[in-house]
């Protein structure tokens, strides 16, 4: 029973570390534009974020892999789109 609890705690700690490591707002190099006012998962987004292929492509590229910003939406969204 003790081993089972240790495994659960370990899994939770790993998940926390992974979540924090993806939190760019703690990174001094992270400087999103002022119109990115919606926080989701530690990243600031512009309004219209639920339709990225319509609202995000002008800066992040038609494939959302960086475009003129050099910031890929897939860094944290994975293959969601």
PDB file of N, CA and C in Angstrom:
ATOM      1  N   UNK A   1       0.820  -1.194   0.000  1.00  0.00           N
ATOM      2  CA  UNK A   1       0.000   0.000   0.000  1.00  0.00           C
ATOM      3  C   UNK A   1       0.862   1.255   0.000  1.00  0.00           C
ATOM      4  N   UNK A   2       1.966   1.230   0.724  1.00  0.00           N
ATOM      5  CA  UNK A   2       2.864   2.369   0.792  1.00  0.00           C
ATOM      6  C   UNK A   2       3.474   2.663  -0.574  1.00  0.00           C
ATOM      7  N   UNK A   3       3.818   1.615  -1.292  1.00  0.00           N
ATOM      8  CA  UNK A   3       4.407   1.746  -2.618  1.00  0.00           C
ATOM      9  C   UNK A   3       3.426   2.403  -3.589  1.00  0.00           C
ATOM     10  N   UNK A   4       2.155   2.048  -3.475  1.00  0.00           N
ATOM     11  CA  UNK A   4       1.107   2.600  -4.334  1.00  0.00           C
ATOM     12  C   UNK A   4       0.970   4.108  -4.094  1.00  0.00           C
ATOM     13  N   UNK A   5       1.025   4.527  -2.867  1.00  0.00           N
ATOM     14  CA  UNK A   5       0.944   5.945  -2.519  1.00  0.00           C
ATOM     15  C   UNK A   5       2.160   6.693  -3.052  1.00  0.00           C
ATOM     16  N   UNK A   6       3.322   6.093  -2.947  1.00  0.00           N
ATOM     17  CA  UNK A   6       4.549   6.710  -3.452  1.00  0.00           C
ATOM     18  C   UNK A   6       4.471   6.920  -4.966  1.00  0.00           C
ATOM     19  N   UNK A   7       3.907   5.968  -5.666  1.00  0.00           N
ATOM     20  CA  UNK A   7       3.748   6.080  -7.112  1.00  0.00           C
ATOM     21  C   UNK A   7       2.801   7.237  -7.445  1.00  0.00           C
ATOM     22  N   UNK A   8       1.688   7.332  -6.725  1.00  0.00           N
ATOM     23  CA  UNK A   8       0.729   8.418  -6.952  1.00  0.00           C
ATOM     24  C   UNK A   8       1.376   9.776  -6.717  1.00  0.00           C
ATOM     25  N   UNK A   9       2.099   9.916  -5.636  1.00  0.00           N
ATOM     26  CA  UNK A   9       2.761  11.174  -5.308  1.00  0.00           C
ATOM     27  C   UNK A   9       3.801  11.513  -6.378  1.00  0.00           C
ATOM     28  N   UNK A  10       4.541  10.521  -6.834  1.00  0.00           N
ATOM     29  CA  UNK A  10       5.548  10.740  -7.866  1.00  0.00           C
ATOM     30  C   UNK A  10       4.913  11.229  -9.163  1.00  0.00           C
ATOM     31  N   UNK A  11       3.813  10.623  -9.543  1.00  0.00           N
ATOM     32  CA  UNK A  11       3.107  11.022 -10.763  1.00  0.00           C
ATOM     33  C   UNK A  11       2.617  12.464 -10.641  1.00  0.00           C
ATOM     34  N   UNK A  12       2.061  12.805  -9.519  1.00  0.00           N
ATOM     35  CA  UNK A  12       1.571  14.172  -9.299  1.00  0.00           C
ATOM     36  C   UNK A  12       2.717  15.170  -9.366  1.00  0.00           C
ATOM     37  N   UNK A  13       3.852  14.845  -8.763  1.00  0.00           N
ATOM     38  CA  UNK A  13       5.004  15.748  -8.794  1.00  0.00           C
ATOM     39  C   UNK A  13       5.527  15.944 -10.212  1.00  0.00           C
ATOM     40  N   UNK A  14       5.581  14.880 -10.986  1.00  0.00           N
ATOM     41  CA  UNK A  14       6.035  14.979 -12.372  1.00  0.00           C
ATOM     42  C   UNK A  14       5.082  15.862 -13.174  1.00  0.00           C
ATOM     43  N   UNK A  15       3.790  15.700 -12.970  1.00  0.00           N
ATOM     44  CA  UNK A  15       2.804  16.516 -13.682  1.00  0.00           C
ATOM     45  C   UNK A  15       2.957  17.987 -13.319  1.00  0.00           C
ATOM     46  N   UNK A  16       3.194  18.285 -12.059  1.00  0.00           N
ATOM     47  CA  UNK A  16       3.381  19.667 -11.622  1.00  0.00           C
ATOM     48  C   UNK A  16       4.622  20.270 -12.278  1.00  0.00           C
ATOM     49  N   UNK A  17       5.703  19.529 -12.287  1.00  0.00           N
ATOM     50  CA  UNK A  17       6.948  20.015 -12.902  1.00  0.00           C
ATOM     51  C   UNK A  17       6.737  20.276 -14.389  1.00  0.00           C
ATOM     52  N   UNK A  18       6.052  19.379 -15.079  1.00  0.00           N
ATOM     53  CA  UNK A  18       5.796  19.567 -16.508  1.00  0.00           C
ATOM     54  C   UNK A  18       4.929  20.792 -16.761  1.00  0.00           C
ATOM     55  N   UNK A  19       3.933  20.997 -15.920  1.00  0.00           N
ATOM     56  CA  UNK A  19       3.057  22.160 -16.073  1.00  0.00           C
ATOM     57  C   UNK A  19       3.828  23.451 -15.848  1.00  0.00           C
ATOM     58  N   UNK A  20       4.627  23.494 -14.814  1.00  0.00           N
ATOM     59  CA  UNK A  20       5.398  24.699 -14.501  1.00  0.00           C
ATOM     60  C   UNK A  20       6.425  24.972 -15.591  1.00  0.00           C
ATOM     61  N   UNK A  21       7.033  23.944 -16.138  1.00  0.00           N
ATOM     62  CA  UNK A  21       8.041  24.155 -17.171  1.00  0.00           C
ATOM     63  C   UNK A  21       7.430  24.734 -18.441  1.00  0.00           C
ATOM     64  N   UNK A  22       6.146  24.551 -18.645  1.00  0.00           N
ATOM     65  CA  UNK A  22       5.480  25.093 -19.824  1.00  0.00           C
ATOM     66  C   UNK A  22       4.910  26.480 -19.547  1.00  0.00           C
ATOM     67  N   UNK A  23       5.060  26.960 -18.345  1.00  0.00           N
ATOM     68  CA  UNK A  23       4.551  28.268 -17.944  1.00  0.00           C
ATOM     69  C   UNK A  23       5.520  29.342 -18.400  1.00  0.00           C
ATOM     70  N   UNK A  24       5.217  30.002 -19.491  1.00  0.00           N
ATOM     71  CA  UNK A  24       6.132  31.005 -20.032  1.00  0.00           C
ATOM     72  C   UNK A  24       6.040  32.339 -19.308  1.00  0.00           C
ATOM     73  N   UNK A  25       4.971  32.582 -18.582  1.00  0.00           N
ATOM     74  CA  UNK A  25       4.838  33.886 -17.949  1.00  0.00           C
ATOM     75  C   UNK A  25       5.918  34.111 -16.899  1.00  0.00           C
ATOM     76  N   UNK A  26       6.554  33.064 -16.428  1.00  0.00           N
ATOM     77  CA  UNK A  26       7.651  33.196 -15.471  1.00  0.00           C
ATOM     78  C   UNK A  26       8.988  33.430 -16.173  1.00  0.00           C
ATOM     79  N   UNK A  27       9.020  33.325 -17.477  1.00  0.00           N
ATOM     80  CA  UNK A  27      10.235  33.485 -18.266  1.00  0.00           C
ATOM     81  C   UNK A  27      10.402  34.961 -18.628  1.00  0.00           C
ATOM     82  N   UNK A  28      11.502  35.592 -18.227  1.00  0.00           N
ATOM     83  CA  UNK A  28      11.683  37.013 -18.530  1.00  0.00           C
ATOM     84  C   UNK A  28      11.741  37.312 -20.027  1.00  0.00           C
ATOM     85  N   UNK A  29      12.026  36.311 -20.866  1.00  0.00           N
ATOM     86  CA  UNK A  29      12.066  36.495 -22.315  1.00  0.00           C
ATOM     87  C   UNK A  29      10.671  36.470 -22.938  1.00  0.00           C
ATOM     88  N   UNK A  30       9.683  36.021 -22.162  1.00  0.00           N
ATOM     89  CA  UNK A  30       8.314  35.916 -22.675  1.00  0.00           C
ATOM     90  C   UNK A  30       7.679  37.298 -22.654  1.00  0.00           C
ATOM     91  N   UNK A  31       7.381  37.819 -23.833  1.00  0.00           N
ATOM     92  CA  UNK A  31       6.844  39.159 -23.939  1.00  0.00           C
ATOM     93  C   UNK A  31       5.768  39.211 -25.022  1.00  0.00           C
ATOM     94  N   UNK A  32       4.564  38.711 -24.711  1.00  0.00           N
ATOM     95  CA  UNK A  32       3.509  38.706 -25.726  1.00  0.00           C
ATOM     96  C   UNK A  32       3.026  40.135 -26.004  1.00  0.00           C
ATOM     97  N   UNK A  33       2.430  40.354 -27.164  1.00  0.00           N
ATOM     98  CA  UNK A  33       1.891  41.680 -27.481  1.00  0.00           C
ATOM     99  C   UNK A  33       0.822  42.099 -26.473  1.00  0.00           C
ATOM    100  N   UNK A  34       0.613  43.393 -26.348  1.00  0.00           N
ATOM    101  CA  UNK A  34      -0.338  43.941 -25.372  1.00  0.00           C
ATOM    102  C   UNK A  34      -1.770  43.473 -25.617  1.00  0.00           C
ATOM    103  N   UNK A  35      -2.112  43.138 -26.874  1.00  0.00           N
ATOM    104  CA  UNK A  35      -3.479  42.697 -27.156  1.00  0.00           C
ATOM    105  C   UNK A  35      -3.721  41.233 -26.795  1.00  0.00           C
ATOM    106  N   UNK A  36      -2.703  40.557 -26.304  1.00  0.00           N
ATOM    107  CA  UNK A  36      -2.851  39.176 -25.822  1.00  0.00           C
ATOM    108  C   UNK A  36      -3.185  39.249 -24.332  1.00  0.00           C
ATOM    109  N   UNK A  37      -4.467  39.335 -24.024  1.00  0.00           N
ATOM    110  CA  UNK A  37      -4.925  39.601 -22.655  1.00  0.00           C
ATOM    111  C   UNK A  37      -5.620  38.422 -21.990  1.00  0.00           C
ATOM    112  N   UNK A  38      -5.761  37.310 -22.698  1.00  0.00           N
ATOM    113  CA  UNK A  38      -6.468  36.146 -22.153  1.00  0.00           C
ATOM    114  C   UNK A  38      -5.440  35.082 -21.769  1.00  0.00           C
ATOM    115  N   UNK A  39      -5.396  34.757 -20.489  1.00  0.00           N
ATOM    116  CA  UNK A  39      -4.447  33.758 -20.009  1.00  0.00           C
ATOM    117  C   UNK A  39      -5.075  32.373 -20.075  1.00  0.00           C
ATOM    118  N   UNK A  40      -4.369  31.472 -20.724  1.00  0.00           N
ATOM    119  CA  UNK A  40      -4.803  30.075 -20.785  1.00  0.00           C
ATOM    120  C   UNK A  40      -3.576  29.212 -20.617  1.00  0.00           C
ATOM    121  N   UNK A  41      -3.524  28.453 -19.558  1.00  0.00           N
ATOM    122  CA  UNK A  41      -2.404  27.551 -19.312  1.00  0.00           C
ATOM    123  C   UNK A  41      -1.075  28.276 -19.153  1.00  0.00           C
ATOM    124  N   UNK A  42      -1.112  29.511 -18.671  1.00  0.00           N
ATOM    125  CA  UNK A  42       0.113  30.257 -18.459  1.00  0.00           C
ATOM    126  C   UNK A  42       0.588  31.040 -19.665  1.00  0.00           C
ATOM    127  N   UNK A  43      -0.122  30.935 -20.772  1.00  0.00           N
ATOM    128  CA  UNK A  43       0.215  31.671 -21.984  1.00  0.00           C
ATOM    129  C   UNK A  43      -0.854  32.730 -22.232  1.00  0.00           C
ATOM    130  N   UNK A  44      -0.418  33.873 -22.692  1.00  0.00           N
ATOM    131  CA  UNK A  44      -1.352  34.938 -23.008  1.00  0.00           C
ATOM    132  C   UNK A  44      -1.782  34.799 -24.463  1.00  0.00           C
ATOM    133  N   UNK A  45      -3.088  34.881 -24.686  1.00  0.00           N
ATOM    134  CA  UNK A  45      -3.670  34.740 -26.012  1.00  0.00           C
ATOM    135  C   UNK A  45      -4.463  35.993 -26.371  1.00  0.00           C
ATOM    136  N   UNK A  46      -4.654  36.180 -27.651  1.00  0.00           N
ATOM    137  CA  UNK A  46      -5.489  37.255 -28.162  1.00  0.00           C
ATOM    138  C   UNK A  46      -6.928  36.746 -28.223  1.00  0.00           C
ATOM    139  N   UNK A  47      -7.896  37.639 -28.211  1.00  0.00           N
ATOM    140  CA  UNK A  47      -9.284  37.194 -28.354  1.00  0.00           C
ATOM    141  C   UNK A  47      -9.417  36.444 -29.679  1.00  0.00           C
ATOM    142  N   UNK A  48     -10.329  35.511 -29.722  1.00  0.00           N
ATOM    143  CA  UNK A  48     -10.506  34.680 -30.912  1.00  0.00           C
ATOM    144  C   UNK A  48      -9.659  33.427 -30.882  1.00  0.00           C
ATOM    145  N   UNK A  49      -9.072  33.134 -29.731  1.00  0.00           N
ATOM    146  CA  UNK A  49      -8.171  31.991 -29.617  1.00  0.00           C
ATOM    147  C   UNK A  49      -8.842  30.649 -29.880  1.00  0.00           C
ATOM    148  N   UNK A  50     -10.152  30.598 -29.817  1.00  0.00           N
ATOM    149  CA  UNK A  50     -10.830  29.320 -30.081  1.00  0.00           C
ATOM    150  C   UNK A  50     -10.901  29.011 -31.574  1.00  0.00           C
ATOM    151  N   UNK A  51     -10.530  29.988 -32.401  1.00  0.00           N
ATOM    152  CA  UNK A  51     -10.493  29.781 -33.852  1.00  0.00           C
ATOM    153  C   UNK A  51      -9.114  30.198 -34.363  1.00  0.00           C
ATOM    154  N   UNK A  52      -8.081  29.438 -34.003  1.00  0.00           N
ATOM    155  CA  UNK A  52      -6.719  29.841 -34.353  1.00  0.00           C
ATOM    156  C   UNK A  52      -6.446  29.907 -35.855  1.00  0.00           C
ATOM    157  N   UNK A  53      -7.110  29.072 -36.636  1.00  0.00           N
ATOM    158  CA  UNK A  53      -6.866  29.080 -38.077  1.00  0.00           C
ATOM    159  C   UNK A  53      -7.469  30.310 -38.747  1.00  0.00           C
ATOM    160  N   UNK A  54      -8.267  31.061 -38.005  1.00  0.00           N
ATOM    161  CA  UNK A  54      -8.831  32.307 -38.510  1.00  0.00           C
ATOM    162  C   UNK A  54      -8.112  33.494 -37.869  1.00  0.00           C
ATOM    163  N   UNK A  55      -7.870  33.424 -36.573  1.00  0.00           N
ATOM    164  CA  UNK A  55      -7.410  34.588 -35.818  1.00  0.00           C
ATOM    165  C   UNK A  55      -5.927  34.648 -35.484  1.00  0.00           C
ATOM    166  N   UNK A  56      -5.199  33.575 -35.643  1.00  0.00           N
ATOM    167  CA  UNK A  56      -3.804  33.555 -35.194  1.00  0.00           C
ATOM    168  C   UNK A  56      -2.789  33.426 -36.323  1.00  0.00           C
ATOM    169  N   UNK A  57      -3.265  33.083 -37.513  1.00  0.00           N
ATOM    170  CA  UNK A  57      -2.359  32.781 -38.623  1.00  0.00           C
ATOM    171  C   UNK A  57      -1.573  33.990 -39.123  1.00  0.00           C
ATOM    172  N   UNK A  58      -2.112  35.198 -38.969  1.00  0.00           N
ATOM    173  CA  UNK A  58      -1.403  36.365 -39.497  1.00  0.00           C
ATOM    174  C   UNK A  58      -0.064  36.569 -38.797  1.00  0.00           C
ATOM    175  N   UNK A  59       0.052  36.151 -37.564  1.00  0.00           N
ATOM    176  CA  UNK A  59       1.323  36.288 -36.832  1.00  0.00           C
ATOM    177  C   UNK A  59       2.048  34.955 -36.642  1.00  0.00           C
ATOM    178  N   UNK A  60       1.296  33.891 -36.375  1.00  0.00           N
ATOM    179  CA  UNK A  60       1.904  32.596 -36.068  1.00  0.00           C
ATOM    180  C   UNK A  60       2.048  31.697 -37.289  1.00  0.00           C
ATOM    181  N   UNK A  61       1.643  32.183 -38.461  1.00  0.00           N
ATOM    182  CA  UNK A  61       1.799  31.434 -39.698  1.00  0.00           C
ATOM    183  C   UNK A  61       0.587  30.582 -40.033  1.00  0.00           C
ATOM    184  N   UNK A  62       0.407  30.303 -41.299  1.00  0.00           N
ATOM    185  CA  UNK A  62      -0.759  29.529 -41.746  1.00  0.00           C
ATOM    186  C   UNK A  62      -0.776  28.126 -41.167  1.00  0.00           C
ATOM    187  N   UNK A  63       0.401  27.633 -40.768  1.00  0.00           N
ATOM    188  CA  UNK A  63       0.478  26.306 -40.154  1.00  0.00           C
ATOM    189  C   UNK A  63       0.603  26.396 -38.628  1.00  0.00           C
ATOM    190  N   UNK A  64       0.555  27.621 -38.093  1.00  0.00           N
ATOM    191  CA  UNK A  64       0.658  27.902 -36.656  1.00  0.00           C
ATOM    192  C   UNK A  64       1.986  27.446 -36.049  1.00  0.00           C
ATOM    193  N   UNK A  65       2.999  27.302 -36.892  1.00  0.00           N
ATOM    194  CA  UNK A  65       4.297  26.817 -36.414  1.00  0.00           C
ATOM    195  C   UNK A  65       5.303  27.927 -36.142  1.00  0.00           C
ATOM    196  N   UNK A  66       4.858  29.176 -36.155  1.00  0.00           N
ATOM    197  CA  UNK A  66       5.768  30.255 -35.791  1.00  0.00           C
ATOM    198  C   UNK A  66       5.547  31.543 -36.534  1.00  0.00           C
ATOM    199  N   UNK A  67       5.427  31.445 -37.848  1.00  0.00           N
ATOM    200  CA  UNK A  67       5.214  32.649 -38.651  1.00  0.00           C
ATOM    201  C   UNK A  67       6.225  33.736 -38.348  1.00  0.00           C
ATOM    202  N   UNK A  68       5.780  34.994 -38.357  1.00  0.00           N
ATOM    203  CA  UNK A  68       6.672  36.131 -38.103  1.00  0.00           C
ATOM    204  C   UNK A  68       7.073  36.242 -36.637  1.00  0.00           C
ATOM    205  N   UNK A  69       6.322  35.598 -35.755  1.00  0.00           N
ATOM    206  CA  UNK A  69       6.632  35.670 -34.322  1.00  0.00           C
ATOM    207  C   UNK A  69       7.731  34.695 -33.924  1.00  0.00           C
ATOM    208  N   UNK A  70       7.839  33.604 -34.680  1.00  0.00           N
ATOM    209  CA  UNK A  70       8.788  32.560 -34.305  1.00  0.00           C
ATOM    210  C   UNK A  70       8.291  31.727 -33.140  1.00  0.00           C
ATOM    211  N   UNK A  71       7.035  31.943 -32.747  1.00  0.00           N
ATOM    212  CA  UNK A  71       6.450  31.206 -31.629  1.00  0.00           C
ATOM    213  C   UNK A  71       5.406  30.240 -32.170  1.00  0.00           C
ATOM    214  N   UNK A  72       5.673  28.959 -32.033  1.00  0.00           N
ATOM    215  CA  UNK A  72       4.757  27.941 -32.513  1.00  0.00           C
ATOM    216  C   UNK A  72       3.655  27.692 -31.486  1.00  0.00           C
ATOM    217  N   UNK A  73       2.432  27.613 -31.965  1.00  0.00           N
ATOM    218  CA  UNK A  73       1.300  27.303 -31.089  1.00  0.00           C
ATOM    219  C   UNK A  73       1.386  25.865 -30.579  1.00  0.00           C
ATOM    220  N   UNK A  74       2.164  25.040 -31.280  1.00  0.00           N
ATOM    221  CA  UNK A  74       2.274  23.633 -30.925  1.00  0.00           C
ATOM    222  C   UNK A  74       3.214  23.388 -29.746  1.00  0.00           C
ATOM    223  N   UNK A  75       3.914  24.450 -29.295  1.00  0.00           N
ATOM    224  CA  UNK A  75       4.801  24.289 -28.141  1.00  0.00           C
ATOM    225  C   UNK A  75       4.034  23.749 -26.943  1.00  0.00           C
ATOM    226  N   UNK A  76       2.833  24.247 -26.761  1.00  0.00           N
ATOM    227  CA  UNK A  76       2.020  23.752 -25.637  1.00  0.00           C
ATOM    228  C   UNK A  76       0.714  23.119 -26.079  1.00  0.00           C
ATOM    229  N   UNK A  77       0.223  23.461 -27.237  1.00  0.00           N
ATOM    230  CA  UNK A  77      -1.048  22.900 -27.689  1.00  0.00           C
ATOM    231  C   UNK A  77      -0.881  21.523 -28.304  1.00  0.00           C
ATOM    232  N   UNK A  78       0.342  21.105 -28.552  1.00  0.00           N
ATOM    233  CA  UNK A  78       0.559  19.799 -29.167  1.00  0.00           C
ATOM    234  C   UNK A  78      -0.096  19.736 -30.528  1.00  0.00           C
ATOM    235  N   UNK A  79      -0.729  18.646 -30.829  1.00  0.00           N
ATOM    236  CA  UNK A  79      -1.375  18.476 -32.133  1.00  0.00           C
ATOM    237  C   UNK A  79      -2.853  18.760 -32.059  1.00  0.00           C
ATOM    238  N   UNK A  80      -3.274  19.621 -31.137  1.00  0.00           N
ATOM    239  CA  UNK A  80      -4.690  19.937 -30.935  1.00  0.00           C
ATOM    240  C   UNK A  80      -5.363  20.365 -32.223  1.00  0.00           C
ATOM    241  N   UNK A  81      -4.663  21.154 -33.060  1.00  0.00           N
ATOM    242  CA  UNK A  81      -5.272  21.636 -34.296  1.00  0.00           C
ATOM    243  C   UNK A  81      -4.855  20.741 -35.405  1.00  0.00           C
TER     244      UNK A  81
END
